[in-house]
Protein backbone atom coordinates (compact mmCIF):
# COMPACT_ATOMS: atom_id res chain seq x y z
CA MET A 1 -12.41 -40.66 -185.40
CA GLY A 2 -14.67 -38.07 -186.95
CA TRP A 3 -17.47 -38.82 -189.25
CA GLY A 4 -15.35 -37.87 -192.23
CA LYS A 5 -12.71 -40.41 -191.35
CA THR A 6 -15.32 -43.07 -190.60
CA LEU A 7 -16.99 -42.53 -193.94
CA ALA A 8 -13.68 -42.58 -195.79
CA ALA A 9 -12.60 -45.80 -194.06
CA GLY A 10 -15.97 -47.48 -194.59
CA ILE A 11 -16.08 -46.65 -198.26
CA GLY A 12 -12.54 -47.87 -198.71
CA GLY A 13 -13.19 -51.17 -196.89
CA PHE A 14 -16.50 -51.72 -198.63
CA LEU A 15 -15.13 -51.29 -202.14
CA ILE A 16 -11.98 -53.32 -201.58
CA GLY A 17 -12.11 -56.25 -199.20
CA GLY A 18 -9.35 -58.05 -197.35
CA PRO A 19 -5.88 -56.75 -196.53
CA LEU A 20 -5.91 -54.68 -199.66
CA GLY A 21 -9.16 -53.14 -198.55
CA ALA A 22 -7.65 -52.36 -195.11
CA ALA A 23 -4.67 -50.71 -196.78
CA ALA A 24 -7.00 -48.77 -199.06
CA ALA A 25 -9.05 -47.73 -196.07
CA ALA A 26 -5.92 -46.58 -194.24
CA SER A 27 -4.79 -44.70 -197.36
CA ALA A 28 -8.20 -43.05 -197.64
CA VAL A 29 -8.05 -41.98 -194.00
CA ALA A 30 -4.55 -40.56 -194.48
CA ALA A 31 -5.67 -38.72 -197.60
CA TYR A 32 -8.62 -37.33 -195.72
CA ASP A 33 -6.39 -36.22 -192.85
CA LYS A 34 -4.03 -34.55 -195.32
CA HIS A 35 -6.96 -32.83 -196.97
CA LYS A 36 -8.24 -31.56 -193.63
CA GLU A 37 -4.76 -30.41 -192.69
CA ASN A 38 -4.44 -28.53 -195.97
CA GLU A 39 -7.84 -26.93 -195.41
CA GLU A 40 -6.85 -25.87 -191.91
CA ILE A 41 -3.58 -24.45 -193.25
CA ARG A 42 -5.48 -22.56 -195.95
CA GLU A 43 -8.00 -21.28 -193.41
CA SER A 44 -5.20 -20.24 -191.08
CA THR A 45 -3.37 -18.58 -193.96
CA ASN A 46 -6.55 -16.81 -195.03
CA ARG A 47 -7.23 -15.64 -191.48
CA GLU A 48 -3.66 -14.39 -191.16
CA ALA A 49 -3.93 -12.68 -194.55
CA GLY A 50 -7.24 -11.16 -193.42
CA ARG A 51 -5.66 -9.91 -190.22
CA LYS A 52 -2.75 -8.45 -192.16
CA GLU A 53 -5.15 -6.85 -194.63
CA ASP A 54 -7.18 -5.40 -191.76
CA SER A 55 -3.97 -4.21 -190.11
CA HIS A 56 -2.74 -2.63 -193.34
CA LYS A 57 -6.14 -1.03 -193.83
CA GLN A 58 -6.08 0.38 -190.30
CA ILE A 59 -2.55 1.66 -190.78
CA LYS A 60 -3.53 3.28 -194.07
CA GLU A 61 -6.65 4.83 -192.53
CA SER A 62 -4.61 6.14 -189.60
CA HIS A 63 -2.00 7.50 -192.02
CA ASP A 64 -4.72 9.13 -194.13
CA ARG A 65 -6.26 10.70 -191.01
CA ARG A 66 -2.89 12.12 -189.97
CA LEU A 67 -2.29 13.49 -193.46
CA LYS A 68 -5.76 15.04 -193.50
CA ALA A 69 -5.25 16.59 -190.06
CA GLN A 70 -1.83 17.90 -191.09
CA LYS A 71 -3.25 19.35 -194.29
CA GLU A 72 -6.05 21.03 -192.33
CA ARG A 73 -3.51 22.52 -189.91
CA GLU A 74 -1.38 23.76 -192.81
CA GLU A 75 -4.45 25.28 -194.49
CA ALA A 76 -5.46 26.95 -191.20
CA GLU A 77 -1.95 28.31 -190.68
CA LYS A 78 -1.84 29.49 -194.28
CA SER A 79 -5.20 31.22 -193.85
CA GLU A 80 -4.08 32.84 -190.59
CA PHE A 81 -0.81 33.98 -192.17
CA SER A 82 -2.66 35.36 -195.17
CA ALA A 83 -5.09 37.21 -192.90
CA LEU A 84 -2.21 38.59 -190.82
CA GLU A 85 -0.33 39.66 -193.94
CA GLN A 86 -3.44 41.39 -195.28
CA GLN A 87 -3.98 43.07 -191.92
CA GLN A 88 -0.41 44.38 -191.98
CA LYS A 89 -0.89 45.68 -195.51
CA ASP A 90 -4.17 47.34 -194.50
CA ASP A 91 -2.54 48.91 -191.43
CA ALA A 92 0.37 50.18 -193.52
CA ARG A 93 -2.02 51.58 -196.12
CA ARG A 94 -4.15 53.31 -193.49
CA ALA A 95 -1.04 54.70 -191.81
CA SER A 96 0.20 55.97 -195.16
CA GLU A 97 -3.20 57.50 -195.87
CA ARG A 98 -3.20 59.20 -192.46
CA VAL A 99 0.25 60.63 -193.08
CA ALA A 100 -0.78 61.82 -196.53
CA GLN A 101 -4.01 63.31 -195.17
CA ALA A 102 -2.13 65.05 -192.36
CA ALA A 103 0.27 66.51 -194.92
CA LEU A 104 -2.63 67.75 -197.03
CA GLN A 105 -4.31 69.33 -194.00
CA ARG A 106 -1.08 71.02 -192.96
CA ASP A 107 -0.58 72.36 -196.49
CA GLN A 108 -4.15 73.64 -196.56
CA LEU A 109 -3.68 75.35 -193.19
CA MET A 110 -0.56 77.07 -194.52
CA ILE A 111 -2.32 78.11 -197.73
CA ALA A 112 -5.26 79.51 -195.75
CA CYS A 113 -2.89 81.43 -193.46
CA LEU A 114 -1.03 82.75 -196.47
CA ALA A 115 -4.27 83.77 -198.18
CA VAL A 116 -5.70 85.51 -195.09
CA GLY A 117 -2.39 87.22 -194.31
CA MET A 118 -1.84 88.41 -197.87
CA ALA A 119 -5.46 89.55 -198.19
CA ALA A 120 -5.35 91.45 -194.88
CA GLY A 121 -1.90 92.93 -195.57
CA THR A 122 -2.73 94.20 -199.06
CA VAL A 123 -6.29 95.35 -198.46
CA ASP A 124 -5.02 98.97 -198.16
CA GLY A 125 -2.18 98.69 -200.65
CA ASP A 126 1.04 96.76 -201.04
CA LEU A 127 2.23 94.42 -198.31
CA SER A 128 4.60 96.33 -196.03
CA ALA A 129 7.90 94.90 -194.86
CA ASP A 130 6.55 94.44 -191.31
CA GLU A 131 3.42 92.70 -192.57
CA SER A 132 5.45 90.46 -194.86
CA GLY A 133 7.79 89.59 -192.00
CA GLU A 134 4.91 88.65 -189.69
CA LEU A 135 3.36 86.45 -192.35
CA HIS A 136 6.56 84.64 -193.30
CA ASP A 137 7.46 84.08 -189.65
CA LEU A 138 4.07 82.44 -189.20
CA LEU A 139 4.49 80.21 -192.23
CA ASN A 140 7.98 79.19 -191.15
CA SER A 141 6.67 78.22 -187.70
CA LEU A 142 3.98 76.09 -189.30
CA ARG A 143 6.27 74.23 -191.65
CA GLY A 144 8.86 73.44 -188.95
CA ASP A 145 12.13 72.06 -190.35
CA GLU A 146 10.54 70.80 -193.55
CA GLU A 147 10.59 72.55 -196.88
CA PHE A 148 7.42 74.06 -198.28
CA SER A 149 5.60 71.54 -200.44
CA GLN A 150 5.26 72.30 -204.13
CA THR A 151 1.57 73.09 -203.58
CA VAL A 152 2.31 75.68 -200.90
CA GLN A 153 5.25 77.11 -202.84
CA ALA A 154 3.03 77.53 -205.90
CA LYS A 155 0.45 79.41 -203.79
CA ILE A 156 3.14 81.68 -202.36
CA GLU A 157 4.25 82.61 -205.86
CA GLU A 158 0.65 83.04 -207.03
CA TYR A 159 -0.35 85.29 -204.12
CA GLU A 160 2.79 87.39 -204.38
CA LYS A 161 1.90 88.17 -208.00
CA ASN A 162 -1.83 88.50 -207.42
CA PRO A 163 -2.86 88.93 -203.73
CA PRO A 164 -6.19 87.24 -202.88
CA THR A 165 -9.35 89.11 -201.95
CA PHE A 166 -11.20 88.54 -198.69
CA MET A 167 -13.66 86.14 -200.36
CA LYS A 168 -10.89 84.17 -202.05
CA ALA A 169 -9.09 83.88 -198.71
CA LYS A 170 -12.35 82.76 -197.10
CA LYS A 171 -12.65 79.89 -199.58
CA GLU A 172 -9.23 78.63 -198.51
CA VAL A 173 -10.15 78.95 -194.82
CA ASP A 174 -13.31 76.92 -195.36
CA LYS A 175 -11.19 74.03 -196.69
CA VAL A 176 -9.29 73.73 -193.42
CA GLN A 177 -10.39 70.81 -191.25
CA ASN A 178 -10.26 70.43 -187.46
CA ALA A 179 -8.69 73.83 -186.80
CA ASP A 180 -9.50 76.58 -184.33
CA LEU A 181 -10.53 79.46 -186.59
CA ARG A 182 -9.79 81.97 -183.83
CA PHE A 183 -6.21 81.53 -184.92
CA PHE A 184 -7.00 83.28 -188.21
CA ARG A 185 -8.59 86.26 -186.48
CA LYS A 186 -5.48 86.64 -184.35
CA LEU A 187 -3.44 86.56 -187.54
CA ILE A 188 -5.57 89.33 -189.08
CA VAL A 189 -5.20 91.51 -185.99
CA CYS A 190 -1.45 90.83 -185.91
CA ILE A 191 -1.05 91.81 -189.59
CA ILE A 192 -3.16 94.98 -189.17
CA ARG A 193 -1.18 96.14 -186.14
CA SER A 194 2.25 95.18 -187.43
CA ASP A 195 2.91 98.61 -189.06
CA ASN A 196 1.32 100.58 -186.18
CA GLU A 197 -1.29 101.98 -188.55
CA THR A 198 -4.88 100.84 -189.01
CA SER A 199 -6.70 101.88 -192.16
CA LEU A 200 -10.42 101.90 -192.83
CA GLU A 201 -9.92 99.07 -195.31
CA GLU A 202 -8.27 96.96 -192.61
CA VAL A 203 -11.10 97.68 -190.15
CA ASP A 204 -13.60 96.68 -192.83
CA PHE A 205 -11.63 93.49 -193.47
CA LEU A 206 -11.79 92.52 -189.80
CA GLU A 207 -15.51 93.30 -189.67
CA LYS A 208 -16.11 91.02 -192.65
CA TRP A 209 -14.25 88.26 -190.89
CA ASP A 210 -16.33 88.70 -187.73
CA HIS A 211 -19.50 88.65 -189.82
CA PHE A 212 -18.69 85.26 -191.40
CA TYR A 213 -16.98 83.74 -188.35
CA PRO A 214 -18.62 85.31 -185.28
CA GLU A 215 -17.57 82.42 -183.07
CA THR A 216 -13.92 83.51 -183.43
CA CYS A 217 -14.62 86.77 -181.55
CA LYS A 218 -15.10 84.93 -178.25
């Protein structure tokens, strides 16, 4: 018997003597036992509730960690997709710019050829049929199967009405990028020789070219 029971029994027997006191003592011991049992049940219930609370807390923390990790993965994937999408847009834009730039350079090459050819062909008068044929054959070879752009077509019409001078043709040549300028000298020689006659004006034209572009004589 623990000290709690002993104390309960002693108090009961001391206060009430005789058989009644014994019964009271027994009742006090039983009440004490019931009280202890209830306390143990409460403690057990509290411990179980604590374990459940800890378990629920751990489950919630684990769930929160998984949600956080999933959200981080989704954000990373979203960022990667956004970066890839932007890269594709940038690549498409650069490709479009390259195509547009190539078209502009081709148009400028054609305009320069037209200007040099018209200037060389008309330096001693009107453009002859042979000179015109040589020039148009060249332009057609440059354009391939495509139609002349509006820019080139406008220059053709402009130069047919008002042929360019040497210096005006030179300005167009200087706008050409990444081209072998020896090509233009060959064009001048071809235009001059196309009608089997070489005038002083044509010789002077070729000399001017060689003066400004001596590297094309090599």
